[in-house]
Amino acid sequence: MQTKEKKKFAVPHVYILLLALILISCVLTYIVPAGQYDMTEVAGREVVDATTFHSVPQSPATLMSFLTAVPRGMLESAQIIFFIFIIGGAFAVLQETRAIEAGVGKLIEVMKGATIIIIPILMVLFSLGGAIFGMSEETIPFIPIFVSLCIAMGYDSIVGTAIVFCGAGAGFAGAFMNPFTLQVAQGIAGLPLLSGMPFRVVMYIVMVFVAVTFVLRYAMKVRQDPTRSPMHAFDQARTDAIDLNNLQPFGTTEKIILLVFLASIVLLIYGVIQWGWYMNEIAGLFLGMSMVVGIVARMGFNNWAGVFAKGMGEIASGALVVGFARAVLVILTEGSILHTILYAAAAGLGMLPAIVSAVGMYVFQCLLNFIVPSGSGQAAVSIPIMAPLGDLVGVTRQTACIAFQLGDGISNIFSPTSGYFMAGLALAKIPWAKWAKWILPLIGLEYLIGAIFVIAAHVSGLGPF
């Protein structure tokens, strides 16, 4: 008698997960009463006026609303989608020259087996980027580089991606200067900018230490037994992997190409900090970099264009995820229920004891980040409500900002609605389900640490108010 083989549960494709979220959002527009806050200007930014919530006519989603949510989401997030395409094409050109392979070979030769120390050093550098200038979209160009580097050193694509994402993510969550989350939130709450710095520095150190330890432990396991990696089979078959046994010589051309790349990274960092560069400027920078690399490598115009187009094509599926993710917010906003959710959360928290309200604010911000993944956008809709609510229930405004900062930052490298994160996974060619399973213990631990810091901020009366 033959026994039927049990089918293993297959994690749904990320498109299916997001379509399910869009459908749930559509259903909620029939259940949740429509409401809205009026907008006002605080510190030069449009934010909600916490005293103006009012009912508006119900506008439930239709079948056509559901079907057009994705294209409308793509239209609203076109900037980041095309940014991803250009970055993918530019790095395909860089990869085609094999200059990175030659440089990696030289690096491994110099390190002489001590490559493990590269991981914490790089993660701390990325964490400083997250803590100081809110490095997020800027991480995307680094992903292909560190994936190739780590596979060549005997690790896997997850380690390469984690160096960038977990490093910058820990710094972003525990930031002590981030202008896009911390300073925006403090400005809206009326707090002195960068107040509470010593507390945040401790928070930053703890978050980064936990992330580095988590990645290092995994990296050492994979180095000892590569089959323990969930990406082992795929990494072995990668066409963009570096073969250490067949490395290109690290000659003059390769050195010039890597210098062009390093100069582009320096210009990227300077442009973001000093000139306020964002995605358009960064995309233009890397498009220009790919042209210079093509000239140095003597690719020829048609060959450069073909490689660039191939690179864009290989990440198309991942880039378009951004539009699917944005569609959730499109439905909630169009159905006028996003502000109702905020209002209900504030009303519920207002009835709780102060310390429970503080933790409740943190939990709410954690959940809200799955719907509004933009840090400054989340601050604009939640801080004007949470800060005065804190005044009423005995939670300092500084604690409310801590709850926002941690709730906003931790899940950015886990949530499928986080555009830059999904773009990075697309470049790394790592399925979201594999990444989510791997990083879930770290995310859970960081959530717990975040709750402890929120409680500590409340108990200590972190201020000035």
Protein backbone atom coordinates (compact mmCIF):
# COMPACT_ATOMS: atom_id res chain seq x y z
CA MET A 1 0.00 0.00 0.00
CA GLN A 2 1.48 3.26 -1.14
CA THR A 3 1.42 6.17 1.25
CA LYS A 4 0.85 9.58 -0.16
CA GLU A 5 3.74 11.87 0.38
CA LYS A 6 2.73 14.88 2.45
CA LYS A 7 3.13 18.15 0.65
CA LYS A 8 5.31 20.67 2.42
CA PHE A 9 3.74 24.04 3.11
CA ALA A 10 4.95 26.48 0.48
CA VAL A 11 5.40 30.06 1.60
CA PRO A 12 3.37 32.24 -0.77
CA HIS A 13 5.22 34.39 -3.29
CA VAL A 14 5.68 37.95 -2.06
CA TYR A 15 3.28 39.17 -4.75
CA ILE A 16 0.59 36.89 -3.30
CA LEU A 17 1.30 38.09 0.24
CA LEU A 18 0.98 41.71 -0.82
CA LEU A 19 -2.14 41.09 -2.89
CA ALA A 20 -3.66 39.48 0.22
CA LEU A 21 -2.80 42.61 2.24
CA ILE A 22 -4.36 44.79 -0.46
CA LEU A 23 -7.52 42.67 -0.37
CA ILE A 24 -7.69 42.86 3.45
CA SER A 25 -7.29 46.63 3.21
CA CYS A 26 -10.17 46.75 0.71
CA VAL A 27 -12.38 44.76 3.08
CA LEU A 28 -11.47 47.11 5.95
CA THR A 29 -12.81 50.07 3.98
CA TYR A 30 -16.29 48.50 4.40
CA ILE A 31 -15.83 47.80 8.13
CA VAL A 32 -13.81 50.71 9.54
CA PRO A 33 -15.66 54.06 9.69
CA ALA A 34 -14.12 56.67 7.40
CA GLY A 35 -12.49 59.61 9.18
CA GLN A 36 -9.87 62.24 8.67
CA TYR A 37 -7.64 64.73 10.45
CA ASP A 38 -7.06 68.19 9.01
CA MET A 39 -3.47 68.94 8.07
CA THR A 40 -1.34 71.74 9.49
CA GLU A 41 2.28 72.85 9.13
CA VAL A 42 4.80 72.19 11.90
CA ALA A 43 8.52 72.82 11.47
CA GLY A 44 8.00 73.26 7.73
CA ARG A 45 6.26 69.89 7.30
CA GLU A 46 2.62 68.98 6.67
CA VAL A 47 1.35 66.98 9.68
CA VAL A 48 -2.03 66.02 11.09
CA ASP A 49 -3.78 68.34 13.55
CA ALA A 50 -4.55 66.02 16.50
CA THR A 51 -7.62 68.03 17.57
CA THR A 52 -9.46 67.92 14.25
CA PHE A 53 -10.50 64.30 13.69
CA HIS A 54 -13.91 64.13 12.05
CA SER A 55 -16.04 61.65 10.16
CA VAL A 56 -16.16 61.79 6.37
CA PRO A 57 -18.40 59.96 3.90
CA GLN A 58 -17.62 56.26 3.58
CA SER A 59 -15.73 55.46 0.39
CA PRO A 60 -15.36 51.68 0.28
CA ALA A 61 -13.04 50.10 -2.25
CA THR A 62 -14.58 48.68 -5.40
CA LEU A 63 -13.42 45.76 -7.51
CA MET A 64 -11.78 48.27 -9.84
CA SER A 65 -10.09 49.96 -6.85
CA PHE A 66 -8.58 46.61 -5.93
CA LEU A 67 -7.48 45.85 -9.49
CA THR A 68 -5.97 49.29 -10.06
CA ALA A 69 -4.29 49.59 -6.63
CA VAL A 70 -1.08 47.98 -7.89
CA PRO A 71 -0.65 50.18 -10.99
CA ARG A 72 -1.48 53.25 -8.89
CA GLY A 73 1.00 52.08 -6.28
CA MET A 74 3.62 51.73 -9.00
CA LEU A 75 2.84 55.22 -10.25
CA GLU A 76 3.23 56.71 -6.75
CA SER A 77 6.49 54.83 -6.16
CA ALA A 78 7.85 55.28 -9.69
CA GLN A 79 10.89 57.16 -8.41
CA ILE A 80 12.19 54.27 -6.32
CA ILE A 81 11.24 51.65 -8.95
CA PHE A 82 13.26 53.35 -11.68
CA PHE A 83 16.02 54.03 -9.17
CA ILE A 84 16.27 50.27 -8.64
CA PHE A 85 16.33 49.60 -12.39
CA ILE A 86 19.21 52.03 -12.95
CA ILE A 87 21.20 50.70 -9.97
CA GLY A 88 20.71 47.13 -11.26
CA GLY A 89 21.92 48.09 -14.73
CA ALA A 90 24.90 50.05 -13.41
CA PHE A 91 26.13 47.19 -11.25
CA ALA A 92 25.67 44.70 -14.07
CA VAL A 93 28.14 46.81 -16.07
CA LEU A 94 30.53 46.90 -13.11
CA GLN A 95 30.20 43.14 -12.64
CA GLU A 96 30.82 42.50 -16.34
CA THR A 97 34.32 44.02 -16.08
CA ARG A 98 35.23 41.45 -13.39
CA ALA A 99 37.24 44.17 -11.64
CA ILE A 100 35.46 43.33 -8.37
CA GLU A 101 36.54 39.70 -8.67
CA ALA A 102 40.14 40.76 -9.13
CA GLY A 103 39.95 43.14 -6.17
CA VAL A 104 38.33 40.50 -3.95
CA GLY A 105 41.05 38.02 -4.82
CA LYS A 106 43.68 40.53 -3.79
CA LEU A 107 41.79 41.33 -0.57
CA ILE A 108 41.51 37.66 0.40
CA GLU A 109 45.19 37.18 -0.32
CA VAL A 110 46.06 40.11 1.98
CA MET A 111 43.69 38.95 4.76
CA LYS A 112 45.23 35.46 4.79
CA GLY A 113 42.23 33.68 6.28
CA ALA A 114 41.23 36.38 8.78
CA THR A 115 38.26 37.50 6.68
CA ILE A 116 35.84 37.15 9.63
CA ILE A 117 37.03 40.50 11.04
CA ILE A 118 35.75 42.26 7.91
CA ILE A 119 32.13 41.58 8.97
CA PRO A 120 31.98 43.58 12.25
CA ILE A 121 34.08 46.42 10.82
CA LEU A 122 31.78 46.85 7.82
CA MET A 123 28.61 46.47 9.90
CA VAL A 124 29.72 49.21 12.30
CA LEU A 125 30.47 51.52 9.35
CA PHE A 126 27.01 50.89 7.86
CA SER A 127 25.41 51.35 11.29
CA LEU A 128 26.99 54.79 11.57
CA GLY A 129 25.47 55.63 8.20
CA GLY A 130 22.04 54.59 9.53
CA ALA A 131 22.48 56.46 12.82
CA ILE A 132 23.92 59.69 11.43
CA PHE A 133 22.21 60.36 8.10
CA GLY A 134 19.44 57.75 7.97
CA MET A 135 21.09 55.45 5.44
CA SER A 136 18.36 53.31 3.84
CA GLU A 137 17.89 53.65 0.06
CA GLU A 138 21.61 54.45 -0.08
CA THR A 139 22.38 50.86 0.98
CA ILE A 140 21.04 49.40 -2.27
CA PRO A 141 24.19 49.91 -4.42
CA PHE A 142 26.32 48.05 -1.86
CA ILE A 143 24.27 44.82 -1.90
CA PRO A 144 25.68 43.18 -5.08
CA ILE A 145 29.22 44.03 -4.04
CA PHE A 146 29.05 42.44 -0.60
CA VAL A 147 27.09 39.41 -1.82
CA SER A 148 29.86 38.61 -4.29
CA LEU A 149 32.54 39.38 -1.71
CA CYS A 150 31.06 37.11 0.97
CA ILE A 151 30.41 34.16 -1.35
CA ALA A 152 34.02 34.37 -2.49
CA MET A 153 35.22 34.37 1.15
CA GLY A 154 33.30 31.16 1.92
CA TYR A 155 30.12 32.69 3.37
CA ASP A 156 26.82 33.12 1.53
CA SER A 157 24.59 35.75 -0.03
CA ILE A 158 22.68 36.17 3.24
CA VAL A 159 25.85 37.23 5.07
CA GLY A 160 26.68 39.71 2.29
CA THR A 161 23.19 41.20 2.44
CA ALA A 162 23.12 41.16 6.26
CA ILE A 163 26.36 43.15 6.52
CA VAL A 164 24.62 46.00 4.72
CA PHE A 165 21.01 45.68 5.91
CA CYS A 166 21.53 44.55 9.51
CA GLY A 167 24.35 47.03 10.03
CA ALA A 168 22.50 50.05 8.63
CA GLY A 169 19.18 48.81 10.07
CA ALA A 170 20.52 48.57 13.63
CA GLY A 171 22.00 52.06 13.33
CA PHE A 172 18.74 53.40 11.87
CA ALA A 173 16.63 51.92 14.69
CA GLY A 174 18.97 53.09 17.45
CA ALA A 175 19.87 56.35 15.71
CA PHE A 176 21.28 59.28 17.65
CA MET A 177 21.25 61.85 14.80
CA ASN A 178 19.02 60.52 11.96
CA PRO A 179 17.47 63.65 10.37
CA PHE A 180 14.67 61.70 8.66
CA THR A 181 13.19 60.07 11.76
CA LEU A 182 14.66 61.34 15.04
CA GLN A 183 14.98 65.02 14.14
CA VAL A 184 11.65 65.13 12.28
CA ALA A 185 9.86 63.52 15.23
CA GLN A 186 11.52 65.80 17.79
CA GLY A 187 10.73 68.86 15.69
CA ILE A 188 7.04 67.92 15.44
CA ALA A 189 6.90 67.11 19.18
CA GLY A 190 8.44 70.49 20.03
CA LEU A 191 11.52 68.93 21.65
CA PRO A 192 15.03 70.41 21.35
CA LEU A 193 16.66 68.73 18.36
CA LEU A 194 19.04 65.90 19.31
CA SER A 195 17.95 66.04 22.97
CA GLY A 196 18.26 62.77 24.89
CA MET A 197 21.52 62.00 23.06
CA PRO A 198 23.25 59.93 25.83
CA PHE A 199 20.23 57.60 26.08
CA ARG A 200 20.18 57.13 22.31
CA VAL A 201 23.91 56.45 22.12
CA VAL A 202 23.45 53.57 24.60
CA MET A 203 20.49 52.35 22.55
CA TYR A 204 22.59 52.50 19.36
CA ILE A 205 25.48 50.54 20.92
CA VAL A 206 23.17 47.78 22.18
CA MET A 207 21.30 47.46 18.88
CA VAL A 208 24.50 47.29 16.82
CA PHE A 209 26.16 44.83 19.21
CA VAL A 210 23.17 42.46 18.99
CA ALA A 211 23.02 42.68 15.18
CA VAL A 212 26.77 42.12 14.74
CA THR A 213 26.75 39.15 17.13
CA PHE A 214 23.80 37.57 15.32
CA VAL A 215 25.39 37.90 11.87
CA LEU A 216 28.84 36.78 13.08
CA ARG A 217 27.45 33.59 14.66
CA TYR A 218 25.63 32.70 11.46
CA ALA A 219 28.64 33.54 9.28
CA MET A 220 30.90 31.23 11.30
CA LYS A 221 28.37 28.38 11.03
CA VAL A 222 28.15 28.76 7.26
CA ARG A 223 31.94 28.98 6.95
CA GLN A 224 32.26 25.67 8.81
CA ASP A 225 29.43 23.96 6.91
CA PRO A 226 28.20 25.77 3.75
CA THR A 227 25.22 23.38 3.42
CA ARG A 228 23.64 25.01 6.50
CA SER A 229 22.90 28.05 4.40
CA PRO A 230 19.33 28.21 3.03
CA MET A 231 20.87 29.82 -0.08
CA HIS A 232 23.61 27.18 -0.56
CA ALA A 233 22.24 25.50 -3.70
CA PHE A 234 21.36 28.79 -5.37
CA ASP A 235 24.66 30.47 -4.46
CA GLN A 236 26.56 27.57 -5.99
CA ALA A 237 24.77 28.10 -9.30
CA ARG A 238 25.05 31.90 -9.39
CA THR A 239 26.27 33.31 -12.69
CA ASP A 240 27.51 36.45 -10.93
CA ALA A 241 29.51 34.54 -8.29
CA ILE A 242 33.24 35.05 -8.04
CA ASP A 243 35.44 32.04 -8.84
CA LEU A 244 38.59 32.32 -6.73
CA ASN A 245 40.28 29.65 -8.83
CA ASN A 246 39.85 31.65 -12.02
CA LEU A 247 40.37 35.24 -11.01
CA GLN A 248 41.11 38.03 -13.42
CA PRO A 249 44.50 39.66 -12.78
CA PHE A 250 44.29 42.83 -10.70
CA GLY A 251 45.86 45.07 -13.32
CA THR A 252 45.80 48.78 -14.11
CA THR A 253 42.36 48.69 -15.76
CA GLU A 254 40.81 46.88 -12.80
CA LYS A 255 42.39 49.31 -10.36
CA ILE A 256 41.04 52.31 -12.25
CA ILE A 257 37.55 50.77 -12.38
CA LEU A 258 37.54 50.16 -8.62
CA LEU A 259 38.82 53.70 -8.02
CA VAL A 260 35.91 55.01 -10.12
CA PHE A 261 33.53 52.92 -8.01
CA LEU A 262 35.07 54.09 -4.70
CA ALA A 263 34.99 57.71 -5.88
CA SER A 264 31.29 57.25 -6.67
CA ILE A 265 30.63 55.94 -3.15
CA VAL A 266 32.48 58.88 -1.57
CA LEU A 267 30.54 61.30 -3.78
CA LEU A 268 27.30 59.51 -2.84
CA ILE A 269 27.94 59.97 0.89
CA TYR A 270 29.04 63.59 0.49
CA GLY A 271 26.10 64.38 -1.79
CA VAL A 272 23.56 62.91 0.64
CA ILE A 273 24.98 64.74 3.67
CA GLN A 274 26.02 68.08 2.16
CA TRP A 275 23.78 68.55 -0.87
CA GLY A 276 20.67 66.68 0.20
CA TRP A 277 20.85 64.18 -2.64
CA TYR A 278 18.07 61.64 -2.90
CA MET A 279 17.15 58.90 -5.35
CA ASN A 280 17.22 60.88 -8.60
CA GLU A 281 20.71 62.23 -7.93
CA ILE A 282 22.01 58.88 -6.68
CA ALA A 283 20.59 57.08 -9.72
CA GLY A 284 22.19 59.69 -11.99
CA LEU A 285 25.51 59.24 -10.19
CA PHE A 286 25.55 55.47 -10.77
CA LEU A 287 24.37 55.81 -14.35
CA GLY A 288 27.34 58.11 -14.93
CA MET A 289 29.61 55.68 -13.07
CA SER A 290 28.55 52.82 -15.37
CA MET A 291 29.35 54.96 -18.43
CA VAL A 292 32.84 55.79 -17.14
CA VAL A 293 33.41 52.12 -16.25
CA GLY A 294 32.29 51.09 -19.74
CA ILE A 295 34.79 53.52 -21.30
CA VAL A 296 37.66 52.40 -19.05
CA ALA A 297 36.90 48.73 -19.78
CA ARG A 298 36.61 49.48 -23.55
CA MET A 299 33.18 47.85 -23.69
CA GLY A 300 31.85 49.70 -26.68
CA PHE A 301 28.50 51.49 -26.79
CA ASN A 302 26.31 48.60 -27.89
CA ASN A 303 27.89 46.13 -25.47
CA TRP A 304 27.49 48.59 -22.59
CA ALA A 305 23.82 49.11 -23.46
CA GLY A 306 23.18 45.36 -23.73
CA VAL A 307 24.76 44.63 -20.34
CA PHE A 308 22.94 47.56 -18.74
CA ALA A 309 19.60 46.34 -20.12
CA LYS A 310 20.27 42.79 -18.94
CA GLY A 311 21.01 44.05 -15.43
CA MET A 312 17.72 45.97 -15.34
CA GLY A 313 15.83 42.92 -16.58
CA GLU A 314 17.26 40.63 -13.91
CA ILE A 315 15.87 42.75 -11.07
CA ALA A 316 12.56 43.71 -12.67
CA SER A 317 10.50 41.33 -10.52
CA GLY A 318 11.98 42.66 -7.29
CA ALA A 319 11.76 46.30 -8.35
CA LEU A 320 8.05 46.00 -9.12
CA VAL A 321 7.40 44.65 -5.61
CA VAL A 322 7.68 48.26 -4.47
CA GLY A 323 4.50 49.10 -6.39
CA PHE A 324 2.63 46.16 -4.85
CA ALA A 325 3.70 47.31 -1.38
CA ARG A 326 2.63 50.91 -1.99
CA ALA A 327 -0.81 49.70 -3.10
CA VAL A 328 -1.73 48.89 0.53
CA LEU A 329 -1.28 52.53 1.52
CA VAL A 330 -3.14 53.64 -1.61
CA ILE A 331 -6.26 51.68 -0.55
CA LEU A 332 -6.15 52.79 3.12
CA THR A 333 -5.73 56.43 2.14
CA GLU A 334 -8.34 56.36 -0.62
CA GLY A 335 -10.81 54.64 1.73
CA SER A 336 -10.17 57.35 4.38
CA ILE A 337 -9.53 54.78 7.11
CA LEU A 338 -5.82 55.33 7.86
CA HIS A 339 -6.56 58.32 10.11
CA THR A 340 -9.42 56.40 11.74
CA ILE A 341 -6.97 53.64 12.69
CA LEU A 342 -4.69 56.30 14.22
CA TYR A 343 -7.58 57.88 16.12
CA ALA A 344 -8.80 54.55 17.50
CA ALA A 345 -5.30 53.59 18.62
CA ALA A 346 -4.86 56.93 20.42
CA ALA A 347 -8.25 56.58 22.14
CA GLY A 348 -7.42 53.05 23.31
CA LEU A 349 -3.98 54.02 24.61
CA GLY A 350 -5.45 56.98 26.48
CA MET A 351 -7.40 54.64 28.77
CA LEU A 352 -4.34 52.66 29.91
CA PRO A 353 -1.89 53.24 32.81
CA ALA A 354 1.11 55.38 31.85
CA ILE A 355 3.71 52.61 31.57
CA VAL A 356 1.31 50.42 29.59
CA SER A 357 0.51 53.40 27.34
CA ALA A 358 4.23 53.89 26.67
CA VAL A 359 4.62 50.26 25.59
CA GLY A 360 1.33 50.51 23.71
CA MET A 361 2.67 53.49 21.74
CA TYR A 362 5.70 51.41 20.82
CA VAL A 363 3.61 48.42 19.72
CA PHE A 364 1.37 50.70 17.67
CA GLN A 365 4.36 52.30 15.92
CA CYS A 366 5.76 48.82 15.18
CA LEU A 367 2.47 47.85 13.51
CA LEU A 368 2.05 51.18 11.74
CA ASN A 369 5.46 50.74 10.09
CA PHE A 370 4.08 47.83 8.07
CA ILE A 371 1.50 50.22 6.59
CA VAL A 372 3.52 53.46 6.41
CA PRO A 373 7.16 52.36 5.89
CA SER A 374 8.43 55.91 5.33
CA GLY A 375 10.09 57.16 8.53
CA SER A 376 9.36 60.85 8.01
CA GLY A 377 5.87 60.00 6.70
CA GLN A 378 5.11 57.92 9.78
CA ALA A 379 6.33 60.73 12.02
CA ALA A 380 4.05 63.19 10.22
CA VAL A 381 0.91 61.16 10.85
CA SER A 382 1.62 59.67 14.28
CA ILE A 383 3.75 62.05 16.38
CA PRO A 384 1.20 64.92 16.33
CA ILE A 385 -1.23 62.45 17.94
CA MET A 386 1.10 60.47 20.20
CA ALA A 387 3.03 63.44 21.67
CA PRO A 388 -0.01 65.27 23.13
CA LEU A 389 -1.52 61.91 24.12
CA GLY A 390 1.62 61.31 26.16
CA ASP A 391 1.04 64.62 27.96
CA LEU A 392 -2.42 63.41 29.00
CA VAL A 393 -1.40 59.96 30.25
CA GLY A 394 1.93 60.85 31.87
CA VAL A 395 4.36 59.69 29.15
CA THR A 396 7.08 62.21 28.24
CA ARG A 397 7.26 63.42 24.66
CA GLN A 398 10.84 62.17 24.51
CA THR A 399 9.58 58.67 25.37
CA ALA A 400 6.93 58.98 22.63
CA CYS A 401 9.72 59.82 20.16
CA ILE A 402 11.78 56.85 21.37
CA ALA A 403 8.75 54.59 20.83
CA PHE A 404 8.31 56.00 17.32
CA GLN A 405 12.00 55.71 16.42
CA LEU A 406 12.29 52.07 17.47
CA GLY A 407 8.89 51.07 16.11
CA ASP A 408 9.70 52.67 12.78
CA GLY A 409 13.24 51.33 12.44
CA ILE A 410 13.33 47.68 13.46
CA SER A 411 11.10 46.08 10.81
CA ASN A 412 12.47 48.02 7.83
CA ILE A 413 14.68 45.05 6.90
CA PHE A 414 11.86 42.53 7.36
CA SER A 415 8.61 44.09 6.15
CA PRO A 416 7.60 43.26 2.54
CA THR A 417 6.10 46.77 2.33
CA SER A 418 9.56 48.34 2.77
CA GLY A 419 10.52 49.41 -0.74
CA TYR A 420 14.29 49.79 -0.44
CA PHE A 421 14.55 46.52 1.49
CA MET A 422 12.68 44.54 -1.18
CA ALA A 423 14.84 46.22 -3.82
CA GLY A 424 17.99 45.08 -2.00
CA LEU A 425 16.72 41.51 -1.77
CA ALA A 426 16.01 41.63 -5.50
CA LEU A 427 19.61 42.66 -6.19
CA ALA A 428 20.88 39.94 -3.84
CA LYS A 429 18.51 37.43 -5.52
CA ILE A 430 17.32 36.22 -2.10
CA PRO A 431 13.62 35.19 -1.85
CA TRP A 432 11.80 37.16 0.86
CA ALA A 433 10.58 33.94 2.53
CA LYS A 434 14.15 32.65 3.03
CA TRP A 435 15.34 35.98 4.36
CA ALA A 436 12.32 36.36 6.66
CA LYS A 437 12.87 32.92 8.19
CA TRP A 438 16.56 33.68 8.76
CA ILE A 439 16.17 37.15 10.26
CA LEU A 440 13.01 36.58 12.35
CA PRO A 441 14.96 35.67 15.55
CA LEU A 442 16.98 38.90 15.28
CA ILE A 443 13.86 41.00 14.62
CA GLY A 444 12.12 39.40 17.62
CA LEU A 445 15.13 40.08 19.85
CA GLU A 446 15.36 43.70 18.66
CA TYR A 447 11.63 44.19 19.31
CA LEU A 448 12.15 42.93 22.88
CA ILE A 449 15.18 45.19 23.41
CA GLY A 450 13.15 48.09 21.99
CA ALA A 451 10.39 47.49 24.53
CA ILE A 452 12.97 47.48 27.34
CA PHE A 453 14.35 50.83 26.18
CA VAL A 454 10.86 52.35 25.95
CA ILE A 455 10.13 51.20 29.53
CA ALA A 456 13.52 52.54 30.68
CA ALA A 457 12.81 55.90 29.02
CA HIS A 458 9.42 56.08 30.74
CA VAL A 459 10.62 54.98 34.19
CA SER A 460 13.55 57.44 34.10
CA GLY A 461 11.25 60.26 32.93
CA LEU A 462 13.46 60.88 29.89
CA GLY A 463 13.01 64.49 28.89
CA PRO A 464 13.37 67.43 28.91
CA PHE A 465 9.62 66.83 28.75
